[in-house]
């Protein structure tokens, strides 16, 4: 398993956070059509207060649960 240098890790973490924040308007649009997406919107909106290492497991669980609803 390869590991990232501190600079690479910081860049990857920043990129991941950017992607999480970019998902917020898409999730909000989805929640406007189907309220089952509202918890996802709430979790995504915490990205400016909660470290990504805590958000990612919650987001993964919410997406896994949503994929089983169809």
N, C-alpha and C. Protein backbone atom coordinates (compact mmCIF):
# COMPACT_ATOMS: atom_id res chain seq x y z
N UNK A 1 0.84 -1.17 0.00
CA UNK A 1 0.00 0.00 0.00
C UNK A 1 0.89 1.24 0.00
N UNK A 2 0.67 2.14 -0.92
CA UNK A 2 1.43 3.37 -0.99
C UNK A 2 0.82 4.39 -0.05
N UNK A 3 1.67 5.27 0.47
CA UNK A 3 1.14 6.33 1.31
C UNK A 3 1.52 7.67 0.71
N UNK A 4 0.68 8.64 0.95
CA UNK A 4 0.88 9.97 0.38
C UNK A 4 1.82 10.77 1.27
N UNK A 5 2.56 11.65 0.64
CA UNK A 5 3.38 12.58 1.41
C UNK A 5 2.43 13.54 2.13
N UNK A 6 2.91 14.26 3.12
CA UNK A 6 2.03 15.23 3.79
C UNK A 6 1.41 16.24 2.82
N UNK A 7 2.18 16.69 1.84
CA UNK A 7 1.64 17.66 0.87
C UNK A 7 0.56 17.01 0.00
N UNK A 8 0.82 15.76 -0.42
CA UNK A 8 -0.18 15.05 -1.22
C UNK A 8 -1.44 14.79 -0.40
N UNK A 9 -1.25 14.40 0.85
CA UNK A 9 -2.40 14.13 1.72
C UNK A 9 -3.24 15.38 1.91
N UNK A 10 -2.60 16.51 2.10
CA UNK A 10 -3.32 17.77 2.28
C UNK A 10 -4.09 18.13 1.01
N UNK A 11 -3.46 17.92 -0.14
CA UNK A 11 -4.14 18.23 -1.41
C UNK A 11 -5.33 17.31 -1.63
N UNK A 12 -5.15 16.02 -1.34
CA UNK A 12 -6.24 15.06 -1.49
C UNK A 12 -7.40 15.38 -0.54
N UNK A 13 -7.06 15.74 0.68
CA UNK A 13 -8.10 16.10 1.66
C UNK A 13 -8.85 17.35 1.20
N UNK A 14 -8.12 18.31 0.67
CA UNK A 14 -8.76 19.53 0.17
C UNK A 14 -9.66 19.23 -1.03
N UNK A 15 -9.18 18.38 -1.92
CA UNK A 15 -10.00 17.98 -3.08
C UNK A 15 -11.27 17.25 -2.63
N UNK A 16 -11.13 16.36 -1.66
CA UNK A 16 -12.29 15.63 -1.15
C UNK A 16 -13.30 16.58 -0.53
N UNK A 17 -12.82 17.54 0.25
CA UNK A 17 -13.72 18.51 0.87
C UNK A 17 -14.42 19.35 -0.20
N UNK A 18 -13.70 19.74 -1.22
CA UNK A 18 -14.31 20.49 -2.33
C UNK A 18 -15.42 19.67 -2.98
N UNK A 19 -15.20 18.38 -3.15
CA UNK A 19 -16.21 17.53 -3.77
C UNK A 19 -17.44 17.37 -2.87
N UNK A 20 -17.21 17.24 -1.58
CA UNK A 20 -18.33 17.15 -0.63
C UNK A 20 -19.15 18.42 -0.69
N UNK A 21 -18.49 19.56 -0.69
CA UNK A 21 -19.21 20.84 -0.73
C UNK A 21 -19.90 21.07 -2.07
N UNK A 22 -19.32 20.58 -3.15
CA UNK A 22 -19.95 20.70 -4.47
C UNK A 22 -21.22 19.86 -4.55
N UNK A 23 -21.30 18.81 -3.74
CA UNK A 23 -22.48 17.94 -3.75
C UNK A 23 -23.68 18.58 -3.05
N UNK A 24 -23.44 19.58 -2.22
CA UNK A 24 -24.53 20.17 -1.43
C UNK A 24 -25.67 20.73 -2.29
N UNK A 25 -25.41 21.55 -3.30
CA UNK A 25 -26.54 22.05 -4.10
C UNK A 25 -27.27 20.94 -4.86
N UNK A 26 -26.55 19.91 -5.27
CA UNK A 26 -27.19 18.79 -5.96
C UNK A 26 -28.10 18.03 -5.00
N UNK A 27 -27.61 17.81 -3.79
CA UNK A 27 -28.42 17.12 -2.79
C UNK A 27 -29.63 17.96 -2.40
N UNK A 28 -29.45 19.26 -2.30
CA UNK A 28 -30.57 20.15 -1.96
C UNK A 28 -31.65 20.10 -3.05
N UNK A 29 -31.22 20.05 -4.28
CA UNK A 29 -32.18 19.94 -5.38
C UNK A 29 -32.93 18.61 -5.30
N UNK A 30 -32.19 17.55 -5.02
CA UNK A 30 -32.83 16.23 -4.88
C UNK A 30 -33.80 16.22 -3.71
N UNK A 31 -33.42 16.85 -2.60
CA UNK A 31 -34.29 16.89 -1.42
C UNK A 31 -35.55 17.70 -1.68
N UNK A 32 -35.47 18.66 -2.59
CA UNK A 32 -36.66 19.42 -2.95
C UNK A 32 -37.68 18.56 -3.67
N UNK A 33 -37.23 17.53 -4.32
CA UNK A 33 -38.11 16.63 -5.05
C UNK A 33 -38.49 15.40 -4.25
N UNK A 34 -37.60 15.00 -3.35
CA UNK A 34 -37.81 13.78 -2.55
C UNK A 34 -37.20 14.01 -1.18
N UNK A 35 -38.04 14.14 -0.17
CA UNK A 35 -37.57 14.51 1.16
C UNK A 35 -36.67 13.46 1.82
N UNK A 36 -36.58 12.28 1.26
CA UNK A 36 -35.68 11.28 1.85
C UNK A 36 -34.22 11.72 1.74
N UNK A 37 -33.93 12.71 0.90
CA UNK A 37 -32.56 13.20 0.74
C UNK A 37 -32.21 14.31 1.74
N UNK A 38 -33.16 14.76 2.54
CA UNK A 38 -32.88 15.85 3.48
C UNK A 38 -31.79 15.54 4.49
N UNK A 39 -31.72 14.30 5.04
CA UNK A 39 -30.60 14.01 5.95
C UNK A 39 -29.23 14.15 5.27
N UNK A 40 -29.16 13.79 4.00
CA UNK A 40 -27.91 13.94 3.26
C UNK A 40 -27.53 15.42 3.16
N UNK A 41 -28.50 16.26 2.88
CA UNK A 41 -28.26 17.70 2.80
C UNK A 41 -27.74 18.21 4.14
N UNK A 42 -28.36 17.77 5.21
CA UNK A 42 -27.93 18.21 6.54
C UNK A 42 -26.48 17.79 6.82
N UNK A 43 -26.14 16.57 6.46
CA UNK A 43 -24.78 16.09 6.70
C UNK A 43 -23.78 16.87 5.84
N UNK A 44 -24.09 17.05 4.58
CA UNK A 44 -23.20 17.81 3.70
C UNK A 44 -23.01 19.24 4.19
N UNK A 45 -24.06 19.81 4.74
CA UNK A 45 -23.97 21.20 5.19
C UNK A 45 -23.08 21.37 6.41
N UNK A 46 -22.74 20.29 7.06
CA UNK A 46 -21.85 20.34 8.22
C UNK A 46 -20.37 20.38 7.82
N UNK A 47 -20.08 20.36 6.54
CA UNK A 47 -18.69 20.24 6.09
C UNK A 47 -17.81 21.42 6.49
N UNK A 48 -18.40 22.54 6.87
CA UNK A 48 -17.58 23.66 7.32
C UNK A 48 -17.34 23.63 8.83
N UNK A 49 -17.98 22.69 9.53
CA UNK A 49 -17.83 22.60 10.98
C UNK A 49 -17.27 21.26 11.46
N UNK A 50 -17.52 20.21 10.72
CA UNK A 50 -17.16 18.86 11.15
C UNK A 50 -16.02 18.35 10.26
N UNK A 51 -14.96 17.82 10.86
CA UNK A 51 -13.86 17.29 10.03
C UNK A 51 -14.34 16.19 9.08
N UNK A 52 -13.74 16.19 7.92
CA UNK A 52 -14.12 15.24 6.87
C UNK A 52 -14.02 13.80 7.34
N UNK A 53 -13.07 13.50 8.20
CA UNK A 53 -12.90 12.11 8.68
C UNK A 53 -14.13 11.62 9.44
N UNK A 54 -14.92 12.54 9.99
CA UNK A 54 -16.16 12.17 10.66
C UNK A 54 -17.35 12.19 9.71
N UNK A 55 -17.30 13.05 8.71
CA UNK A 55 -18.41 13.15 7.76
C UNK A 55 -18.45 11.97 6.79
N UNK A 56 -17.29 11.51 6.36
CA UNK A 56 -17.27 10.47 5.33
C UNK A 56 -18.00 9.20 5.74
N UNK A 57 -17.82 8.68 6.96
CA UNK A 57 -18.59 7.48 7.32
C UNK A 57 -20.10 7.74 7.33
N UNK A 58 -20.49 8.91 7.79
CA UNK A 58 -21.93 9.24 7.81
C UNK A 58 -22.47 9.34 6.38
N UNK A 59 -21.71 9.99 5.51
CA UNK A 59 -22.15 10.12 4.12
C UNK A 59 -22.21 8.75 3.44
N UNK A 60 -21.23 7.91 3.70
CA UNK A 60 -21.24 6.56 3.11
C UNK A 60 -22.47 5.78 3.57
N UNK A 61 -22.78 5.88 4.85
CA UNK A 61 -23.96 5.15 5.39
C UNK A 61 -25.24 5.70 4.78
N UNK A 62 -25.33 7.02 4.65
CA UNK A 62 -26.55 7.58 4.07
C UNK A 62 -26.71 7.19 2.61
N UNK A 63 -25.63 7.21 1.87
CA UNK A 63 -25.71 6.83 0.46
C UNK A 63 -26.01 5.35 0.31
N UNK A 64 -25.45 4.52 1.16
CA UNK A 64 -25.73 3.08 1.10
C UNK A 64 -27.21 2.82 1.41
N UNK A 65 -27.73 3.53 2.39
CA UNK A 65 -29.14 3.38 2.73
C UNK A 65 -30.05 3.86 1.62
N UNK A 66 -29.67 4.95 0.98
CA UNK A 66 -30.47 5.51 -0.11
C UNK A 66 -30.45 4.59 -1.32
N UNK A 67 -29.32 3.96 -1.58
CA UNK A 67 -29.25 3.10 -2.77
C UNK A 67 -30.11 1.86 -2.59
N UNK A 68 -30.41 1.49 -1.37
CA UNK A 68 -31.27 0.34 -1.12
C UNK A 68 -32.75 0.67 -1.12
N UNK A 69 -33.10 1.96 -1.28
CA UNK A 69 -34.51 2.37 -1.24
C UNK A 69 -35.21 2.18 -2.56
N UNK A 70 -34.44 2.16 -3.65
CA UNK A 70 -35.06 2.12 -4.96
C UNK A 70 -35.67 0.84 -5.24
